[in-house]
Amino acid sequence: MRRATFTSAFVVLCVLGASVRPAAAQDRTYTDALKKQWDQIKDYVSKSAELMPEDAYAFKPTPAVRSFGEMIAHVSDASYGICAMAIGDTSRSFGNAEKTMQKKADIQAALKSAFAYCDAAFQKLDDQSGREPADLMGQPTPRLMVLAFNTQHSWEHYGNLTTYFRLKGMVPPSSQRGM
């Protein structure tokens, strides 16, 4: 009996505790989970940009692909455009770092700014508003799925970056211990 009373009291406290949480906490389950994935890839790409030496920013495994610096700049440009789509910001579009920047410091600054813009997009949405449709390249798509697309796009290019690291005899951030 004592065990049943304790168990019942525990369940009641859990239910009451859940019901007194702020509404925002209940409305961000999916948004926060997606943000954690975004934070992970954002960290790996940022560390990649930091770790690669300046002279290797022009490195291309073959003439037909982007250089390391162009790849980082492309992630920056795409992040601006895709995150703008997610929040319906028509004043913001894709960046132009890939076509205009060659210096490591400039590309890193553009990347940092684009990632901050996307972080702000996550803050503007919750699970409810994230279900609202946005225009993703002509397709109506839930706003959170547009942010998920940006995360996936960044992971895709991080996969390219890891190859650049290996070809340069370096270890990519995701494979380094303690990172």
N, C-alpha and C. Protein backbone atom coordinates (compact mmCIF):
# COMPACT_ATOMS: atom_id res chain seq x y z
N MET A 1 0.82 -1.19 0.00
CA MET A 1 0.00 0.00 0.00
C MET A 1 0.87 1.26 0.00
N ARG A 2 1.89 1.21 0.84
CA ARG A 2 2.79 2.36 0.94
C ARG A 2 3.47 2.62 -0.42
N ARG A 3 3.87 1.54 -1.09
CA ARG A 3 4.50 1.66 -2.40
C ARG A 3 3.53 2.24 -3.43
N ALA A 4 2.28 1.78 -3.41
CA ALA A 4 1.27 2.30 -4.34
C ALA A 4 1.01 3.77 -4.08
N THR A 5 0.96 4.18 -2.83
CA THR A 5 0.74 5.58 -2.49
C THR A 5 1.90 6.44 -2.99
N PHE A 6 3.12 5.95 -2.75
CA PHE A 6 4.29 6.68 -3.21
C PHE A 6 4.29 6.81 -4.73
N THR A 7 3.98 5.71 -5.42
CA THR A 7 3.94 5.71 -6.88
C THR A 7 2.87 6.67 -7.38
N SER A 8 1.70 6.64 -6.78
CA SER A 8 0.61 7.54 -7.18
C SER A 8 1.00 8.99 -6.95
N ALA A 9 1.61 9.27 -5.81
CA ALA A 9 2.03 10.63 -5.51
C ALA A 9 3.08 11.10 -6.52
N PHE A 10 3.99 10.21 -6.87
CA PHE A 10 5.03 10.54 -7.85
C PHE A 10 4.40 10.88 -9.20
N VAL A 11 3.45 10.07 -9.65
CA VAL A 11 2.78 10.30 -10.93
C VAL A 11 2.05 11.64 -10.90
N VAL A 12 1.34 11.93 -9.81
CA VAL A 12 0.59 13.18 -9.70
C VAL A 12 1.57 14.37 -9.75
N LEU A 13 2.68 14.27 -9.05
CA LEU A 13 3.66 15.35 -9.08
C LEU A 13 4.24 15.55 -10.47
N CYS A 14 4.48 14.46 -11.17
CA CYS A 14 4.99 14.57 -12.54
C CYS A 14 3.98 15.25 -13.44
N VAL A 15 2.73 14.87 -13.33
CA VAL A 15 1.67 15.47 -14.15
C VAL A 15 1.51 16.94 -13.80
N LEU A 16 1.47 17.25 -12.51
CA LEU A 16 1.36 18.65 -12.10
C LEU A 16 2.57 19.45 -12.55
N GLY A 17 3.74 18.86 -12.42
CA GLY A 17 4.96 19.53 -12.85
C GLY A 17 4.93 19.84 -14.33
N ALA A 18 4.43 18.90 -15.12
CA ALA A 18 4.34 19.11 -16.57
C ALA A 18 3.33 20.19 -16.90
N SER A 19 2.26 20.27 -16.13
CA SER A 19 1.21 21.24 -16.45
C SER A 19 1.57 22.65 -16.02
N VAL A 20 2.54 22.81 -15.13
CA VAL A 20 2.91 24.16 -14.71
C VAL A 20 4.14 24.67 -15.46
N ARG A 21 4.69 23.86 -16.37
CA ARG A 21 5.79 24.35 -17.19
C ARG A 21 5.29 25.48 -18.06
N PRO A 22 6.16 26.43 -18.38
CA PRO A 22 5.73 27.49 -19.28
C PRO A 22 5.32 26.93 -20.63
N ALA A 23 4.37 27.57 -21.25
CA ALA A 23 3.87 27.10 -22.55
C ALA A 23 4.99 27.01 -23.57
N ALA A 24 5.92 27.95 -23.54
CA ALA A 24 7.01 27.95 -24.52
C ALA A 24 7.83 26.68 -24.44
N ALA A 25 8.04 26.17 -23.24
CA ALA A 25 8.82 24.94 -23.09
C ALA A 25 8.10 23.76 -23.73
N GLN A 26 6.79 23.74 -23.64
CA GLN A 26 6.03 22.65 -24.23
C GLN A 26 5.97 22.78 -25.75
N ASP A 27 6.10 23.99 -26.26
CA ASP A 27 5.96 24.23 -27.69
C ASP A 27 7.27 24.15 -28.48
N ARG A 28 8.37 23.79 -27.84
CA ARG A 28 9.67 23.81 -28.51
C ARG A 28 10.36 22.45 -28.56
N THR A 29 9.63 21.38 -28.32
CA THR A 29 10.24 20.05 -28.31
C THR A 29 10.96 19.76 -29.61
N TYR A 30 10.27 19.88 -30.72
CA TYR A 30 10.86 19.58 -32.03
C TYR A 30 11.84 20.68 -32.45
N THR A 31 11.48 21.90 -32.18
CA THR A 31 12.36 23.03 -32.53
C THR A 31 13.70 22.90 -31.82
N ASP A 32 13.66 22.60 -30.53
CA ASP A 32 14.91 22.47 -29.77
C ASP A 32 15.72 21.25 -30.20
N ALA A 33 15.05 20.16 -30.54
CA ALA A 33 15.76 18.97 -31.03
C ALA A 33 16.46 19.28 -32.35
N LEU A 34 15.77 19.96 -33.23
CA LEU A 34 16.37 20.35 -34.51
C LEU A 34 17.51 21.34 -34.29
N LYS A 35 17.35 22.25 -33.33
CA LYS A 35 18.39 23.23 -33.04
C LYS A 35 19.66 22.53 -32.55
N LYS A 36 19.53 21.45 -31.78
CA LYS A 36 20.71 20.70 -31.33
C LYS A 36 21.46 20.11 -32.52
N GLN A 37 20.73 19.61 -33.50
CA GLN A 37 21.39 19.09 -34.70
C GLN A 37 22.09 20.21 -35.46
N TRP A 38 21.42 21.35 -35.54
CA TRP A 38 22.00 22.52 -36.20
C TRP A 38 23.27 22.96 -35.49
N ASP A 39 23.22 23.00 -34.15
CA ASP A 39 24.39 23.42 -33.38
C ASP A 39 25.59 22.51 -33.63
N GLN A 40 25.33 21.22 -33.79
CA GLN A 40 26.43 20.28 -34.01
C GLN A 40 27.12 20.54 -35.35
N ILE A 41 26.34 20.67 -36.41
CA ILE A 41 26.96 20.88 -37.72
C ILE A 41 27.56 22.28 -37.82
N LYS A 42 26.92 23.24 -37.20
CA LYS A 42 27.45 24.60 -37.17
C LYS A 42 28.84 24.60 -36.52
N ASP A 43 28.99 23.85 -35.44
CA ASP A 43 30.26 23.74 -34.74
C ASP A 43 31.32 23.10 -35.63
N TYR A 44 30.98 22.00 -36.30
CA TYR A 44 31.95 21.31 -37.15
C TYR A 44 32.39 22.18 -38.33
N VAL A 45 31.45 22.87 -38.96
CA VAL A 45 31.81 23.71 -40.10
C VAL A 45 32.66 24.90 -39.62
N SER A 46 32.27 25.50 -38.51
CA SER A 46 33.04 26.63 -37.96
C SER A 46 34.47 26.20 -37.60
N LYS A 47 34.60 25.05 -36.97
CA LYS A 47 35.93 24.56 -36.62
C LYS A 47 36.73 24.21 -37.87
N SER A 48 36.07 23.71 -38.89
CA SER A 48 36.76 23.43 -40.16
C SER A 48 37.33 24.71 -40.74
N ALA A 49 36.51 25.76 -40.75
CA ALA A 49 36.96 27.04 -41.28
C ALA A 49 38.14 27.58 -40.48
N GLU A 50 38.11 27.36 -39.19
CA GLU A 50 39.18 27.84 -38.31
C GLU A 50 40.47 27.03 -38.48
N LEU A 51 40.35 25.72 -38.56
CA LEU A 51 41.52 24.85 -38.56
C LEU A 51 42.29 24.83 -39.88
N MET A 52 41.60 25.01 -40.98
CA MET A 52 42.28 24.95 -42.28
C MET A 52 43.16 26.19 -42.43
N PRO A 53 44.43 26.00 -42.79
CA PRO A 53 45.34 27.15 -42.97
C PRO A 53 44.88 28.04 -44.14
N GLU A 54 45.24 29.29 -44.04
CA GLU A 54 44.86 30.29 -45.06
C GLU A 54 45.24 29.82 -46.47
N ASP A 55 46.45 29.30 -46.65
CA ASP A 55 46.90 28.92 -47.99
C ASP A 55 46.11 27.74 -48.55
N ALA A 56 45.45 26.97 -47.71
CA ALA A 56 44.66 25.83 -48.18
C ALA A 56 43.23 26.23 -48.53
N TYR A 57 42.85 27.46 -48.31
CA TYR A 57 41.51 27.90 -48.68
C TYR A 57 41.32 27.85 -50.20
N ALA A 58 42.39 27.94 -50.96
CA ALA A 58 42.30 27.85 -52.42
C ALA A 58 42.40 26.42 -52.94
N PHE A 59 42.60 25.47 -52.04
CA PHE A 59 42.78 24.07 -52.43
C PHE A 59 41.51 23.48 -53.04
N LYS A 60 41.69 22.82 -54.21
CA LYS A 60 40.63 22.08 -54.89
C LYS A 60 41.17 20.68 -55.17
N PRO A 61 40.45 19.64 -54.76
CA PRO A 61 40.90 18.28 -55.09
C PRO A 61 41.00 18.05 -56.59
N THR A 62 40.08 18.65 -57.33
CA THR A 62 40.12 18.62 -58.80
C THR A 62 39.62 19.98 -59.29
N PRO A 63 39.95 20.36 -60.51
CA PRO A 63 39.52 21.67 -61.02
C PRO A 63 37.99 21.82 -61.12
N ALA A 64 37.27 20.72 -61.16
CA ALA A 64 35.82 20.76 -61.36
C ALA A 64 35.01 21.05 -60.10
N VAL A 65 35.66 21.12 -58.94
CA VAL A 65 34.90 21.31 -57.69
C VAL A 65 35.29 22.63 -57.02
N ARG A 66 34.51 23.01 -56.03
CA ARG A 66 34.79 24.22 -55.28
C ARG A 66 36.09 24.07 -54.48
N SER A 67 36.74 25.19 -54.25
CA SER A 67 37.88 25.20 -53.35
C SER A 67 37.35 25.08 -51.91
N PHE A 68 38.24 24.81 -50.98
CA PHE A 68 37.83 24.74 -49.58
C PHE A 68 37.14 26.05 -49.17
N GLY A 69 37.76 27.17 -49.49
CA GLY A 69 37.17 28.46 -49.13
C GLY A 69 35.82 28.70 -49.78
N GLU A 70 35.70 28.31 -51.06
CA GLU A 70 34.41 28.45 -51.74
C GLU A 70 33.34 27.58 -51.09
N MET A 71 33.75 26.40 -50.61
CA MET A 71 32.79 25.51 -49.94
C MET A 71 32.28 26.14 -48.65
N ILE A 72 33.18 26.70 -47.84
CA ILE A 72 32.77 27.36 -46.60
C ILE A 72 31.86 28.56 -46.94
N ALA A 73 32.28 29.34 -47.93
CA ALA A 73 31.48 30.51 -48.33
C ALA A 73 30.11 30.08 -48.86
N HIS A 74 30.06 28.98 -49.57
CA HIS A 74 28.79 28.46 -50.07
C HIS A 74 27.85 28.10 -48.92
N VAL A 75 28.37 27.44 -47.90
CA VAL A 75 27.55 27.11 -46.73
C VAL A 75 27.02 28.39 -46.10
N SER A 76 27.86 29.40 -46.03
CA SER A 76 27.44 30.70 -45.50
C SER A 76 26.31 31.30 -46.35
N ASP A 77 26.53 31.37 -47.63
CA ASP A 77 25.52 31.95 -48.53
C ASP A 77 24.20 31.20 -48.45
N ALA A 78 24.26 29.89 -48.52
CA ALA A 78 23.04 29.08 -48.50
C ALA A 78 22.31 29.20 -47.17
N SER A 79 23.07 29.26 -46.08
CA SER A 79 22.43 29.40 -44.76
C SER A 79 21.60 30.67 -44.68
N TYR A 80 22.15 31.78 -45.18
CA TYR A 80 21.37 33.02 -45.21
C TYR A 80 20.06 32.83 -45.97
N GLY A 81 20.17 32.32 -47.18
CA GLY A 81 18.99 32.20 -48.03
C GLY A 81 17.95 31.23 -47.50
N ILE A 82 18.40 30.08 -47.05
CA ILE A 82 17.46 29.06 -46.59
C ILE A 82 16.81 29.47 -45.27
N CYS A 83 17.59 30.04 -44.36
CA CYS A 83 17.00 30.47 -43.09
C CYS A 83 16.04 31.64 -43.30
N ALA A 84 16.34 32.50 -44.27
CA ALA A 84 15.41 33.59 -44.61
C ALA A 84 14.08 33.03 -45.12
N MET A 85 14.16 31.97 -45.94
CA MET A 85 12.93 31.31 -46.40
C MET A 85 12.14 30.77 -45.22
N ALA A 86 12.82 30.19 -44.24
CA ALA A 86 12.15 29.56 -43.10
C ALA A 86 11.33 30.56 -42.30
N ILE A 87 11.82 31.78 -42.19
CA ILE A 87 11.10 32.78 -41.38
C ILE A 87 10.35 33.80 -42.23
N GLY A 88 10.38 33.61 -43.54
CA GLY A 88 9.66 34.51 -44.43
C GLY A 88 10.28 35.89 -44.53
N ASP A 89 11.58 35.98 -44.36
CA ASP A 89 12.29 37.26 -44.43
C ASP A 89 12.63 37.54 -45.89
N THR A 90 11.78 38.31 -46.54
CA THR A 90 11.99 38.61 -47.96
C THR A 90 13.03 39.70 -48.18
N SER A 91 13.45 40.37 -47.10
CA SER A 91 14.49 41.39 -47.25
C SER A 91 15.88 40.76 -47.31
N ARG A 92 15.98 39.51 -46.95
CA ARG A 92 17.27 38.80 -46.93
C ARG A 92 17.27 37.72 -47.99
N SER A 93 18.37 37.57 -48.66
CA SER A 93 18.46 36.51 -49.67
C SER A 93 19.79 35.79 -49.48
N PHE A 94 20.11 34.95 -50.42
CA PHE A 94 21.38 34.24 -50.37
C PHE A 94 22.52 35.26 -50.37
N GLY A 95 23.57 34.94 -49.64
CA GLY A 95 24.73 35.82 -49.59
C GLY A 95 25.55 35.75 -50.87
N ASN A 96 26.65 36.47 -50.90
CA ASN A 96 27.50 36.46 -52.08
C ASN A 96 28.97 36.21 -51.73
N ALA A 97 29.21 35.57 -50.60
CA ALA A 97 30.59 35.31 -50.16
C ALA A 97 31.34 34.41 -51.13
N GLU A 98 30.67 33.42 -51.67
CA GLU A 98 31.35 32.46 -52.55
C GLU A 98 31.95 33.14 -53.78
N LYS A 99 31.27 34.14 -54.29
CA LYS A 99 31.74 34.80 -55.52
C LYS A 99 32.65 35.99 -55.24
N THR A 100 32.64 36.49 -54.00
CA THR A 100 33.37 37.74 -53.75
C THR A 100 34.51 37.64 -52.74
N MET A 101 34.61 36.56 -52.01
CA MET A 101 35.61 36.47 -50.93
C MET A 101 36.61 35.35 -51.18
N GLN A 102 37.88 35.65 -50.88
CA GLN A 102 38.93 34.64 -50.97
C GLN A 102 39.70 34.50 -49.66
N LYS A 103 39.76 35.56 -48.87
CA LYS A 103 40.55 35.54 -47.64
C LYS A 103 39.83 34.79 -46.52
N LYS A 104 40.62 34.02 -45.80
CA LYS A 104 40.10 33.20 -44.71
C LYS A 104 39.30 34.05 -43.71
N ALA A 105 39.86 35.16 -43.27
CA ALA A 105 39.19 35.99 -42.26
C ALA A 105 37.84 36.50 -42.76
N ASP A 106 37.78 36.90 -44.02
CA ASP A 106 36.51 37.41 -44.57
C ASP A 106 35.47 36.30 -44.65
N ILE A 107 35.89 35.13 -45.11
CA ILE A 107 34.96 33.99 -45.24
C ILE A 107 34.48 33.55 -43.86
N GLN A 108 35.39 33.51 -42.89
CA GLN A 108 35.00 33.14 -41.53
C GLN A 108 34.00 34.14 -40.95
N ALA A 109 34.22 35.42 -41.20
CA ALA A 109 33.29 36.45 -40.71
C ALA A 109 31.91 36.28 -41.35
N ALA A 110 31.89 36.00 -42.64
CA ALA A 110 30.61 35.78 -43.33
C ALA A 110 29.90 34.56 -42.76
N LEU A 111 30.65 33.49 -42.51
CA LEU A 111 30.08 32.27 -41.95
C LEU A 111 29.50 32.53 -40.56
N LYS A 112 30.24 33.21 -39.74
CA LYS A 112 29.77 33.53 -38.38
C LYS A 112 28.48 34.34 -38.43
N SER A 113 28.42 35.30 -39.31
CA SER A 113 27.23 36.14 -39.45
C SER A 113 26.03 35.31 -39.95
N ALA A 114 26.26 34.45 -40.92
CA ALA A 114 25.17 33.61 -41.45
C ALA A 114 24.67 32.66 -40.38
N PHE A 115 25.57 32.07 -39.62
CA PHE A 115 25.17 31.15 -38.56
C PHE A 115 24.39 31.88 -37.47
N ALA A 116 24.78 33.10 -37.14
CA ALA A 116 24.03 33.90 -36.16
C ALA A 116 22.63 34.20 -36.68
N TYR A 117 22.52 34.47 -37.97
CA TYR A 117 21.22 34.73 -38.58
C TYR A 117 20.32 33.50 -38.46
N CYS A 118 20.88 32.32 -38.72
CA CYS A 118 20.10 31.09 -38.60
C CYS A 118 19.74 30.79 -37.15
N ASP A 119 20.65 31.08 -36.22
CA ASP A 119 20.32 30.91 -34.80
C ASP A 119 19.11 31.76 -34.44
N ALA A 120 19.07 32.99 -34.93
CA ALA A 120 17.94 33.88 -34.67
C ALA A 120 16.65 33.33 -35.30
N ALA A 121 16.77 32.68 -36.45
CA ALA A 121 15.59 32.06 -37.07
C ALA A 121 15.00 30.99 -36.17
N PHE A 122 15.86 30.19 -35.55
CA PHE A 122 15.38 29.17 -34.61
C PHE A 122 14.64 29.81 -33.44
N GLN A 123 15.11 30.95 -32.99
CA GLN A 123 14.48 31.63 -31.86
C GLN A 123 13.12 32.19 -32.22
N LYS A 124 12.91 32.49 -33.48
CA LYS A 124 11.64 33.06 -33.93
C LYS A 124 10.54 32.02 -34.09
N LEU A 125 10.93 30.75 -34.11
CA LEU A 125 9.95 29.69 -34.34
C LEU A 125 9.81 28.81 -33.10
N ASP A 126 8.64 28.21 -32.99
CA ASP A 126 8.41 27.15 -32.02
C ASP A 126 7.70 26.03 -32.77
N ASP A 127 7.30 24.99 -32.06
CA ASP A 127 6.70 23.84 -32.75
C ASP A 127 5.44 24.23 -33.52
N GLN A 128 4.64 25.14 -32.97
CA GLN A 128 3.40 25.54 -33.63
C GLN A 128 3.68 26.39 -34.87
N SER A 129 4.44 27.47 -34.70
CA SER A 129 4.71 28.34 -35.85
C SER A 129 5.60 27.63 -36.88
N GLY A 130 6.37 26.65 -36.42
CA GLY A 130 7.22 25.88 -37.33
C GLY A 130 6.44 24.99 -38.27
N ARG A 131 5.16 24.77 -37.97
CA ARG A 131 4.31 23.98 -38.87
C ARG A 131 3.75 24.80 -40.02
N GLU A 132 3.78 26.11 -39.86
CA GLU A 132 3.24 26.99 -40.90
C GLU A 132 4.05 26.83 -42.18
N PRO A 133 3.39 26.97 -43.33
CA PRO A 133 4.11 26.76 -44.59
C PRO A 133 5.03 27.93 -44.94
N ALA A 134 6.14 27.58 -45.52
CA ALA A 134 7.07 28.55 -46.10
C ALA A 134 7.32 28.09 -47.53
N ASP A 135 7.87 28.97 -48.32
CA ASP A 135 8.20 28.63 -49.70
C ASP A 135 9.65 28.18 -49.77
N LEU A 136 9.85 26.90 -49.99
CA LEU A 136 11.21 26.37 -50.16
C LEU A 136 11.40 26.07 -51.64
N MET A 137 11.96 27.03 -52.33
CA MET A 137 12.25 26.87 -53.76
C MET A 137 11.02 26.44 -54.55
N GLY A 138 9.93 27.13 -54.29
CA GLY A 138 8.69 26.88 -55.01
C GLY A 138 7.79 25.81 -54.42
N GLN A 139 8.20 25.20 -53.35
CA GLN A 139 7.42 24.14 -52.71
C GLN A 139 6.96 24.58 -51.32
N PRO A 140 5.65 24.53 -51.04
CA PRO A 140 5.21 24.83 -49.67
C PRO A 140 5.75 23.77 -48.72
N THR A 141 6.46 24.23 -47.70
CA THR A 141 7.15 23.34 -46.77
C THR A 141 7.03 23.91 -45.36
N PRO A 142 6.76 23.09 -44.35
CA PRO A 142 6.72 23.62 -42.98
C PRO A 142 8.03 24.32 -42.64
N ARG A 143 7.92 25.44 -41.94
CA ARG A 143 9.09 26.27 -41.62
C ARG A 143 10.22 25.47 -40.94
N LEU A 144 9.86 24.59 -40.00
CA LEU A 144 10.89 23.79 -39.34
C LEU A 144 11.58 22.84 -40.31
N MET A 145 10.86 22.37 -41.30
CA MET A 145 11.48 21.49 -42.30
C MET A 145 12.42 22.28 -43.20
N VAL A 146 12.16 23.56 -43.38
CA VAL A 146 13.09 24.39 -44.14
C VAL A 146 14.40 24.52 -43.35
N LEU A 147 14.29 24.71 -42.03
CA LEU A 147 15.50 24.75 -41.21
C LEU A 147 16.20 23.40 -41.20
N ALA A 148 15.42 22.32 -41.21
CA ALA A 148 16.01 20.97 -41.28
C ALA A 148 16.75 20.80 -42.61
N PHE A 149 16.19 21.34 -43.68
CA PHE A 149 16.85 21.28 -44.98
C PHE A 149 18.20 22.00 -44.94
N ASN A 150 18.24 23.16 -44.28
CA ASN A 150 19.50 23.87 -44.17
C ASN A 150 20.52 23.06 -43.38
N THR A 151 20.07 22.42 -42.32
CA THR A 151 20.96 21.58 -41.52
C THR A 151 21.51 20.44 -42.37
N GLN A 152 20.63 19.79 -43.12
CA GLN A 152 21.05 18.69 -43.99
C GLN A 152 22.03 19.18 -45.05
N HIS A 153 21.77 20.33 -45.62
CA HIS A 153 22.64 20.91 -46.64
C HIS A 153 24.04 21.15 -46.06
N SER A 154 24.09 21.66 -44.84
CA SER A 154 25.37 21.92 -44.19
C SER A 154 26.12 20.61 -43.91
N TRP A 155 25.37 19.57 -43.48
CA TRP A 155 26.00 18.26 -43.27
C TRP A 155 26.56 17.71 -44.58
N GLU A 156 25.82 17.89 -45.66
CA GLU A 156 26.28 17.40 -46.97
C GLU A 156 27.64 18.02 -47.31
N HIS A 157 27.76 19.32 -47.12
CA HIS A 157 29.01 19.98 -47.47
C HIS A 157 30.10 19.73 -46.44
N TYR A 158 29.73 19.47 -45.21
CA TYR A 158 30.75 19.09 -44.24
C TYR A 158 31.38 17.75 -44.67
N GLY A 159 30.58 16.87 -45.23
CA GLY A 159 31.12 15.62 -45.76
C GLY A 159 32.18 15.89 -46.82
N ASN A 160 31.95 16.89 -47.66
CA ASN A 160 32.98 17.30 -48.64
C ASN A 160 34.22 17.83 -47.93
N LEU A 161 34.00 18.65 -46.92
CA LEU A 161 35.13 19.26 -46.21
C LEU A 161 36.01 18.22 -45.55
N THR A 162 35.41 17.15 -45.05
CA THR A 162 36.23 16.11 -44.41
C THR A 162 37.20 15.48 -45.42
N THR A 163 36.76 15.36 -46.66
CA THR A 163 37.64 14.84 -47.71
C THR A 163 38.80 15.80 -47.94
N TYR A 164 38.53 17.10 -47.97
CA TYR A 164 39.58 18.09 -48.15
C TYR A 164 40.60 17.98 -47.01
N PHE A 165 40.09 17.82 -45.79
CA PHE A 165 40.99 17.66 -44.64
C PHE A 165 41.89 16.44 -44.84
N ARG A 166 41.30 15.32 -45.18
CA ARG A 166 42.07 14.08 -45.34
C ARG A 166 43.10 14.20 -46.46
N LEU A 167 42.73 14.84 -47.57
CA LEU A 167 43.67 15.02 -48.67
C LEU A 167 44.83 15.93 -48.28
N LYS A 168 44.61 16.79 -47.31
CA LYS A 168 45.66 17.68 -46.82
C LYS A 168 46.44 17.04 -45.66
N GLY A 169 46.12 15.78 -45.32
CA GLY A 169 46.81 15.10 -44.24
C GLY A 169 46.37 15.58 -42.86
N MET A 170 45.17 16.14 -42.78
CA MET A 170 44.65 16.70 -41.53
C MET A 170 43.46 15.85 -41.05
N VAL A 171 43.15 15.96 -39.78
CA VAL A 171 42.02 15.25 -39.19
C VAL A 171 40.84 16.24 -39.09
N PRO A 172 39.68 15.90 -39.67
CA PRO A 172 38.54 16.81 -39.58
C PRO A 172 38.02 16.92 -38.14
N PRO A 173 37.34 18.03 -37.82
CA PRO A 173 36.88 18.25 -36.45
C PRO A 173 36.06 17.10 -35.86
N SER A 174 35.20 16.49 -36.63
CA SER A 174 34.35 15.42 -36.10
C SER A 174 35.13 14.17 -35.72
N SER A 175 36.35 14.04 -36.21
CA SER A 175 37.18 12.87 -35.90
C SER A 175 38.24 13.17 -34.85
N GLN A 176 38.34 14.41 -34.43
CA GLN A 176 39.33 14.77 -33.43
C GLN A 176 38.80 14.49 -32.03
N ARG A 177 39.63 13.95 -31.20
CA ARG A 177 39.25 13.69 -29.81
C ARG A 177 39.13 15.01 -29.06
N GLY A 178 38.11 15.08 -28.20
CA GLY A 178 37.93 16.26 -27.36
C GLY A 178 37.30 17.45 -28.05
N MET A 179 36.84 17.29 -29.29
CA MET A 179 36.22 18.42 -29.98
C MET A 179 34.74 18.31 -29.95
